[in-house]
Amino acid sequence: MESLRYLISEWLETKLPFLVEREVEIEEIPKDVVFVITGARRSGKTYFPYEVAKN
């Protein structure tokens, strides 16, 4: 459990990568739900969680 806390705290301290601002509305995501991001290759699936974390 301590290693998980360490990994989370380490991630929270890192800077987010450069993000290009997109004009999209992101609905609020419930905190008690696991969701899956799917889509075409190179469509922003990796950067979507960064955008959510930034907001």
Foldseek 3Di string as FASTA:
>chain_A
DVVVVVVVVVVVPDDQDDDDDDPDDDDDDDPPDDDDDDDDPPPCSVVVVVVVVVD
